[in-house]
């Protein structure tokens, strides 16, 4: 059974759909979803608006596909990084902050795409807002799973705190408030783990 924070199966992508999604991915992230019209996306993709609508049905559906594409790339990047750290260890939990730091330097010049998208759309019932929320629920559950694997007491409670530190790092990095927010978040998380161990 698919969990609520798991995406639906992605549609098969034609060459035209791939061009549209690539153009939308660039434009939506750089300029915002509301600010970009279908005319601009079609022009950047070198296709007609009809192709865009034939392949995705609506701008909202295209925006959801954009968010899912970023999320898929992030999950693959995260999984590759976690493979290098022993399972069932606190180091594996803390590694999420290191991996996110590296990802952010390469891919998040304007902050987290999901957070940015959620800020543009009100109401959890909106498909774009719903997709952004789904991605964050998945991240929270990942923290909980890693904590359970490491034998952390109250894994869910610790996941709540780790999620706050992680998302705070994303927002702080996107805003440029101060340098190295994920190093700060990781250090704070490490202190929490030491306290739970009674040190």
Protein backbone atom coordinates (compact mmCIF):
# COMPACT_ATOMS: atom_id res chain seq x y z
CA UNK A 1 0.00 0.00 0.00
CA UNK A 2 1.32 3.46 -0.92
CA UNK A 3 1.87 5.77 2.04
CA UNK A 4 0.36 9.24 1.82
CA UNK A 5 3.79 10.81 1.47
CA UNK A 6 4.77 8.60 -1.46
CA UNK A 7 4.14 9.96 -4.98
CA UNK A 8 1.83 8.40 -7.50
CA UNK A 9 3.43 6.59 -10.42
CA UNK A 10 4.83 9.17 -12.84
CA UNK A 11 3.40 9.23 -16.37
CA UNK A 12 5.49 8.09 -19.32
CA UNK A 13 7.43 11.05 -20.67
CA UNK A 14 7.51 11.71 -24.43
CA UNK A 15 10.24 13.85 -25.98
CA UNK A 16 7.86 16.81 -26.07
CA UNK A 17 6.90 16.33 -22.44
CA UNK A 18 10.56 16.10 -21.47
CA UNK A 19 11.30 19.42 -23.17
CA UNK A 20 8.32 21.07 -21.48
CA UNK A 21 9.29 19.74 -18.05
CA UNK A 22 12.92 20.81 -18.45
CA UNK A 23 11.86 24.34 -19.39
CA UNK A 24 9.30 24.51 -16.59
CA UNK A 25 11.81 23.22 -14.06
CA UNK A 26 14.22 26.03 -14.87
CA UNK A 27 11.59 28.76 -15.03
CA UNK A 28 9.50 27.72 -12.03
CA UNK A 29 12.53 27.53 -9.77
CA UNK A 30 14.15 30.77 -10.96
CA UNK A 31 11.03 32.93 -11.23
CA UNK A 32 8.28 31.24 -9.23
CA UNK A 33 5.29 29.22 -10.34
CA UNK A 34 2.77 32.08 -10.35
CA UNK A 35 5.12 34.37 -12.27
CA UNK A 36 5.65 31.98 -15.18
CA UNK A 37 2.95 31.56 -17.81
CA UNK A 38 2.39 28.65 -20.15
CA UNK A 39 3.36 30.83 -23.12
CA UNK A 40 6.84 31.35 -21.65
CA UNK A 41 7.23 27.66 -20.88
CA UNK A 42 6.15 26.58 -24.37
CA UNK A 43 8.48 29.12 -25.97
CA UNK A 44 11.43 28.02 -23.83
CA UNK A 45 10.70 24.36 -24.65
CA UNK A 46 10.29 25.05 -28.36
CA UNK A 47 6.83 23.47 -28.45
CA UNK A 48 3.27 24.70 -28.80
CA UNK A 49 0.94 25.34 -25.88
CA UNK A 50 -1.16 22.51 -27.23
CA UNK A 51 1.75 20.13 -26.66
CA UNK A 52 2.06 21.37 -23.09
CA UNK A 53 -1.62 20.82 -22.37
CA UNK A 54 -1.73 17.51 -24.24
CA UNK A 55 1.13 16.14 -22.15
CA UNK A 56 0.32 17.60 -18.72
CA UNK A 57 -3.29 18.76 -18.85
CA UNK A 58 -2.75 21.95 -16.85
CA UNK A 59 -0.13 24.29 -15.50
CA UNK A 60 -0.80 22.95 -11.99
CA UNK A 61 -0.11 19.39 -13.12
CA UNK A 62 3.10 20.57 -14.77
CA UNK A 63 4.15 22.31 -11.55
CA UNK A 64 3.51 19.11 -9.59
CA UNK A 65 5.67 17.23 -12.10
CA UNK A 66 8.39 19.85 -11.63
CA UNK A 67 8.33 19.38 -7.86
CA UNK A 68 8.36 15.60 -8.18
CA UNK A 69 11.31 15.72 -10.54
CA UNK A 70 13.34 17.76 -8.06
CA UNK A 71 12.28 15.45 -5.26
CA UNK A 72 13.31 12.33 -7.20
CA UNK A 73 16.76 13.80 -7.87
CA UNK A 74 17.11 14.79 -4.19
CA UNK A 75 16.12 11.33 -2.97
CA UNK A 76 18.63 9.65 -5.28
CA UNK A 77 21.36 12.03 -4.14
CA UNK A 78 20.48 11.45 -0.48
CA UNK A 79 20.36 7.67 -0.90
CA UNK A 80 23.78 7.66 -2.56
CA UNK A 81 25.22 9.66 0.31
CA UNK A 82 23.63 7.51 3.00
CA UNK A 83 24.99 4.34 1.38
CA UNK A 84 28.45 5.46 2.48
CA UNK A 85 27.50 5.54 6.19
CA UNK A 86 26.95 2.41 8.34
CA UNK A 87 23.30 1.51 8.93
CA UNK A 88 21.98 1.75 12.48
CA UNK A 89 24.31 4.53 13.60
CA UNK A 90 23.85 8.09 14.80
CA UNK A 91 26.43 9.09 12.20
CA UNK A 92 23.94 8.00 9.53
CA UNK A 93 21.31 10.34 10.96
CA UNK A 94 23.75 13.23 11.17
CA UNK A 95 24.97 12.53 7.65
CA UNK A 96 21.64 13.85 6.34
CA UNK A 97 22.77 17.35 7.29
CA UNK A 98 26.11 16.93 5.50
CA UNK A 99 24.41 15.56 2.39
CA UNK A 100 21.83 18.36 2.39
CA UNK A 101 24.62 20.91 2.74
CA UNK A 102 26.35 19.54 -0.36
CA UNK A 103 23.04 19.35 -2.28
CA UNK A 104 22.15 22.92 -1.31
CA UNK A 105 25.46 24.27 -2.58
CA UNK A 106 24.83 22.67 -5.97
CA UNK A 107 21.06 22.98 -6.37
CA UNK A 108 19.44 25.47 -3.99
CA UNK A 109 20.61 28.91 -5.05
CA UNK A 110 17.08 30.21 -4.38
CA UNK A 111 16.26 27.95 -1.45
CA UNK A 112 14.14 24.81 -1.26
CA UNK A 113 11.83 24.40 -4.26
CA UNK A 114 9.13 22.70 -2.18
CA UNK A 115 9.15 25.43 0.48
CA UNK A 116 9.06 28.12 -2.20
CA UNK A 117 6.15 26.41 -3.96
CA UNK A 118 4.20 25.95 -0.71
CA UNK A 119 4.58 29.66 0.01
CA UNK A 120 2.85 30.48 -3.28
CA UNK A 121 -0.26 28.37 -2.73
CA UNK A 122 -2.76 28.45 0.11
CA UNK A 123 -4.80 25.51 1.25
CA UNK A 124 -3.60 21.96 1.78
CA UNK A 125 -6.12 20.83 -0.84
CA UNK A 126 -4.25 22.52 -3.68
CA UNK A 127 -2.25 19.94 -5.66
CA UNK A 128 0.94 22.00 -5.62
CA UNK A 129 0.74 22.69 -1.89
CA UNK A 130 -0.16 19.05 -1.33
CA UNK A 131 2.89 17.87 -3.24
CA UNK A 132 5.20 20.14 -1.25
CA UNK A 133 3.70 18.88 2.01
CA UNK A 134 4.00 15.26 0.88
CA UNK A 135 7.71 15.73 0.28
CA UNK A 136 8.24 17.19 3.74
CA UNK A 137 6.28 14.36 5.36
CA UNK A 138 8.53 11.89 3.59
CA UNK A 139 11.61 13.69 4.94
CA UNK A 140 10.21 13.59 8.47
CA UNK A 141 9.53 9.87 8.16
CA UNK A 142 13.07 9.31 6.90
CA UNK A 143 14.46 10.94 10.04
CA UNK A 144 12.18 8.75 12.15
CA UNK A 145 13.29 5.60 10.30
CA UNK A 146 16.96 6.48 10.70
CA UNK A 147 16.46 7.15 14.41
CA UNK A 148 14.65 3.83 14.87
CA UNK A 149 17.46 2.01 13.06
CA UNK A 150 19.97 3.67 15.40
CA UNK A 151 17.99 2.60 18.47
CA UNK A 152 17.08 6.13 19.51
CA UNK A 153 14.45 6.38 22.25
CA UNK A 154 11.36 8.30 21.11
CA UNK A 155 12.38 8.20 17.46
CA UNK A 156 9.28 10.15 16.43
CA UNK A 157 9.98 12.93 18.91
CA UNK A 158 13.60 13.17 17.83
CA UNK A 159 12.49 13.21 14.18
CA UNK A 160 10.31 16.23 14.95
CA UNK A 161 13.32 18.11 16.30
CA UNK A 162 15.64 16.99 13.51
CA UNK A 163 13.08 18.11 10.94
CA UNK A 164 12.94 21.55 12.51
CA UNK A 165 16.73 21.82 12.38
CA UNK A 166 16.85 20.55 8.80
CA UNK A 167 14.11 22.83 7.49
CA UNK A 168 15.57 25.75 9.41
CA UNK A 169 18.83 25.10 7.59
CA UNK A 170 17.05 25.13 4.24
CA UNK A 171 15.31 28.42 4.93
CA UNK A 172 18.38 30.04 6.45
CA UNK A 173 20.52 28.96 3.53
CA UNK A 174 17.96 30.20 1.02
CA UNK A 175 17.78 33.56 2.76
CA UNK A 176 21.54 33.87 3.22
CA UNK A 177 21.01 34.77 6.88
CA UNK A 178 24.36 33.33 7.95
CA UNK A 179 26.96 30.98 6.53
CA UNK A 180 27.06 27.20 7.00
CA UNK A 181 23.54 26.72 8.46
CA UNK A 182 23.70 22.94 8.04
CA UNK A 183 26.92 22.72 10.02
CA UNK A 184 25.15 24.60 12.82
CA UNK A 185 22.09 22.34 12.52
CA UNK A 186 24.25 19.21 12.53
CA UNK A 187 26.14 20.35 15.63
CA UNK A 188 22.86 21.05 17.42
CA UNK A 189 21.55 17.59 16.45
CA UNK A 190 24.75 15.95 17.70
CA UNK A 191 24.37 17.70 21.07
CA UNK A 192 20.81 16.38 21.32
CA UNK A 193 21.98 12.82 20.70
CA UNK A 194 24.70 13.19 23.35
CA UNK A 195 22.10 14.37 25.86
CA UNK A 196 19.84 11.41 25.15
CA UNK A 197 22.84 9.14 25.78
CA UNK A 198 23.30 10.75 29.17
CA UNK A 199 26.56 12.51 28.43
